[in-house]
C-alpha atoms as a PDB file:
ATOM      1  CA  UNK A   1     -17.417  39.305  19.478  1.00  0.00           C
ATOM      2  CA  UNK A   2     -14.033  40.677  18.543  1.00  0.00           C
ATOM      3  CA  UNK A   3     -13.003  37.339  17.022  1.00  0.00           C
ATOM      4  CA  UNK A   4     -16.392  36.243  15.695  1.00  0.00           C
ATOM      5  CA  UNK A   5     -15.442  36.874  12.066  1.00  0.00           C
ATOM      6  CA  UNK A   6     -12.158  34.981  12.535  1.00  0.00           C
ATOM      7  CA  UNK A   7     -13.917  31.952  14.021  1.00  0.00           C
ATOM      8  CA  UNK A   8     -16.586  32.031  11.322  1.00  0.00           C
ATOM      9  CA  UNK A   9     -13.861  32.053   8.668  1.00  0.00           C
ATOM     10  CA  UNK A  10     -12.061  29.218  10.400  1.00  0.00           C
ATOM     11  CA  UNK A  11     -15.270  27.186  10.500  1.00  0.00           C
ATOM     12  CA  UNK A  12     -15.794  27.722   6.767  1.00  0.00           C
ATOM     13  CA  UNK A  13     -12.196  26.712   6.060  1.00  0.00           C
ATOM     14  CA  UNK A  14     -12.628  23.515   8.084  1.00  0.00           C
ATOM     15  CA  UNK A  15     -15.798  22.684   6.171  1.00  0.00           C
ATOM     16  CA  UNK A  16     -14.055  23.247   2.832  1.00  0.00           C
ATOM     17  CA  UNK A  17     -11.053  21.110   3.749  1.00  0.00           C
ATOM     18  CA  UNK A  18     -13.301  18.378   5.108  1.00  0.00           C
ATOM     19  CA  UNK A  19     -15.434  18.504   1.973  1.00  0.00           C
ATOM     20  CA  UNK A  20     -12.374  18.247  -0.263  1.00  0.00           C
ATOM     21  CA  UNK A  21     -11.240  15.146   1.625  1.00  0.00           C
ATOM     22  CA  UNK A  22     -14.731  13.662   1.388  1.00  0.00           C
ATOM     23  CA  UNK A  23     -14.845  14.270  -2.361  1.00  0.00           C
ATOM     24  CA  UNK A  24     -11.414  12.679  -2.828  1.00  0.00           C
ATOM     25  CA  UNK A  25     -12.523   9.720  -0.723  1.00  0.00           C
ATOM     26  CA  UNK A  26     -15.473   9.264  -3.063  1.00  0.00           C
ATOM     27  CA  UNK A  27     -13.126   8.979  -6.061  1.00  0.00           C
ATOM     28  CA  UNK A  28     -10.845   5.993  -5.442  1.00  0.00           C
ATOM     29  CA  UNK A  29      -8.275   4.713  -7.899  1.00  0.00           C
ATOM     30  CA  UNK A  30      -9.026   1.993 -10.418  1.00  0.00           C
ATOM     31  CA  UNK A  31      -6.744  -0.378 -12.325  1.00  0.00           C
ATOM     32  CA  UNK A  32      -7.162  -1.235 -15.997  1.00  0.00           C
ATOM     33  CA  UNK A  33      -6.125  -4.897 -16.059  1.00  0.00           C
ATOM     34  CA  UNK A  34      -5.469  -4.718 -19.805  1.00  0.00           C
ATOM     35  CA  UNK A  35      -2.734  -2.129 -19.234  1.00  0.00           C
ATOM     36  CA  UNK A  36      -1.275  -3.396 -15.927  1.00  0.00           C
ATOM     37  CA  UNK A  37       1.787  -5.632 -16.142  1.00  0.00           C
ATOM     38  CA  UNK A  38       2.190  -6.245 -12.396  1.00  0.00           C
ATOM     39  CA  UNK A  39       5.386  -4.222 -11.925  1.00  0.00           C
ATOM     40  CA  UNK A  40       4.341  -3.166  -8.395  1.00  0.00           C
ATOM     41  CA  UNK A  41       5.369   0.492  -8.620  1.00  0.00           C
ATOM     42  CA  UNK A  42       1.870   1.609  -7.636  1.00  0.00           C
ATOM     43  CA  UNK A  43       1.867  -0.813  -4.707  1.00  0.00           C
ATOM     44  CA  UNK A  44       5.124   0.646  -3.380  1.00  0.00           C
ATOM     45  CA  UNK A  45       3.861   4.202  -3.745  1.00  0.00           C
ATOM     46  CA  UNK A  46       0.456   3.844  -2.011  1.00  0.00           C
ATOM     47  CA  UNK A  47       0.654   5.427   1.475  1.00  0.00           C
ATOM     48  CA  UNK A  48      -2.542   3.689   2.621  1.00  0.00           C
ATOM     49  CA  UNK A  49      -1.655   0.147   1.560  1.00  0.00           C
ATOM     50  CA  UNK A  50      -4.772   0.088  -0.601  1.00  0.00           C
ATOM     51  CA  UNK A  51      -3.155  -1.707  -3.544  1.00  0.00           C
ATOM     52  CA  UNK A  52      -2.374  -5.397  -3.665  1.00  0.00           C
ATOM     53  CA  UNK A  53      -1.898  -8.068  -6.312  1.00  0.00           C
ATOM     54  CA  UNK A  54      -4.790 -10.291  -7.357  1.00  0.00           C
ATOM     55  CA  UNK A  55      -4.501 -13.964  -8.308  1.00  0.00           C
ATOM     56  CA  UNK A  56      -3.476 -12.936 -11.855  1.00  0.00           C
ATOM     57  CA  UNK A  57      -0.491 -10.984 -10.498  1.00  0.00           C
ATOM     58  CA  UNK A  58      -2.053  -7.652 -11.410  1.00  0.00           C
ATOM     59  CA  UNK A  59      -2.707  -4.664  -9.173  1.00  0.00           C
ATOM     60  CA  UNK A  60      -6.109  -4.155  -7.595  1.00  0.00           C
ATOM     61  CA  UNK A  61      -7.354  -1.349  -5.349  1.00  0.00           C
ATOM     62  CA  UNK A  62      -9.120  -1.819  -2.020  1.00  0.00           C
ATOM     63  CA  UNK A  63     -11.869   0.785  -2.432  1.00  0.00           C
ATOM     64  CA  UNK A  64     -12.358   1.064   1.342  1.00  0.00           C
ATOM     65  CA  UNK A  65      -8.707   1.975   2.005  1.00  0.00           C
ATOM     66  CA  UNK A  66      -8.079   4.200  -1.030  1.00  0.00           C
ATOM     67  CA  UNK A  67      -8.175   7.930  -0.290  1.00  0.00           C
ATOM     68  CA  UNK A  68      -7.880   9.009  -3.927  1.00  0.00           C
ATOM     69  CA  UNK A  69      -4.540  10.800  -3.359  1.00  0.00           C
ATOM     70  CA  UNK A  70      -3.306   9.870  -6.853  1.00  0.00           C
ATOM     71  CA  UNK A  71       0.238   8.848  -5.901  1.00  0.00           C
ATOM     72  CA  UNK A  72      -0.276   5.454  -7.518  1.00  0.00           C
ATOM     73  CA  UNK A  73      -1.377   7.036 -10.801  1.00  0.00           C
ATOM     74  CA  UNK A  74       1.835   9.056 -10.968  1.00  0.00           C
ATOM     75  CA  UNK A  75       3.940   5.975 -10.179  1.00  0.00           C
ATOM     76  CA  UNK A  76       2.434   3.735 -12.863  1.00  0.00           C
ATOM     77  CA  UNK A  77       4.622   3.818 -16.011  1.00  0.00           C
ATOM     78  CA  UNK A  78       1.850   2.166 -18.054  1.00  0.00           C
ATOM     79  CA  UNK A  79      -0.975   4.536 -17.024  1.00  0.00           C
ATOM     80  CA  UNK A  80      -2.975   1.522 -15.862  1.00  0.00           C
ATOM     81  CA  UNK A  81      -4.028   3.179 -12.610  1.00  0.00           C
ATOM     82  CA  UNK A  82      -6.422   6.102 -12.841  1.00  0.00           C
ATOM     83  CA  UNK A  83      -8.618   8.192 -10.589  1.00  0.00           C
ATOM     84  CA  UNK A  84     -12.191   8.250 -11.828  1.00  0.00           C
ATOM     85  CA  UNK A  85     -13.068  11.575 -13.354  1.00  0.00           C
ATOM     86  CA  UNK A  86      -9.447  12.523 -14.060  1.00  0.00           C
ATOM     87  CA  UNK A  87      -7.895  12.550 -17.488  1.00  0.00           C
END
């Protein structure tokens, strides 16, 4: 029982971290085709390989692979890639 409080705190921390990941996973990136010019900077920056080019030569996001990390949004010079709910 000496470490009960420690383990309880650790369990709460694990739940919070897991919940944060789950929330991010629920908010994948999206590409505005009107603003995308197909430069590929977002594609190079995505650590999950979730971005590819469609038949128009524009970026598109694989919603199943995207973790919502936001690296692609920072890489896009045209602000064509966004994370839903972010400004």
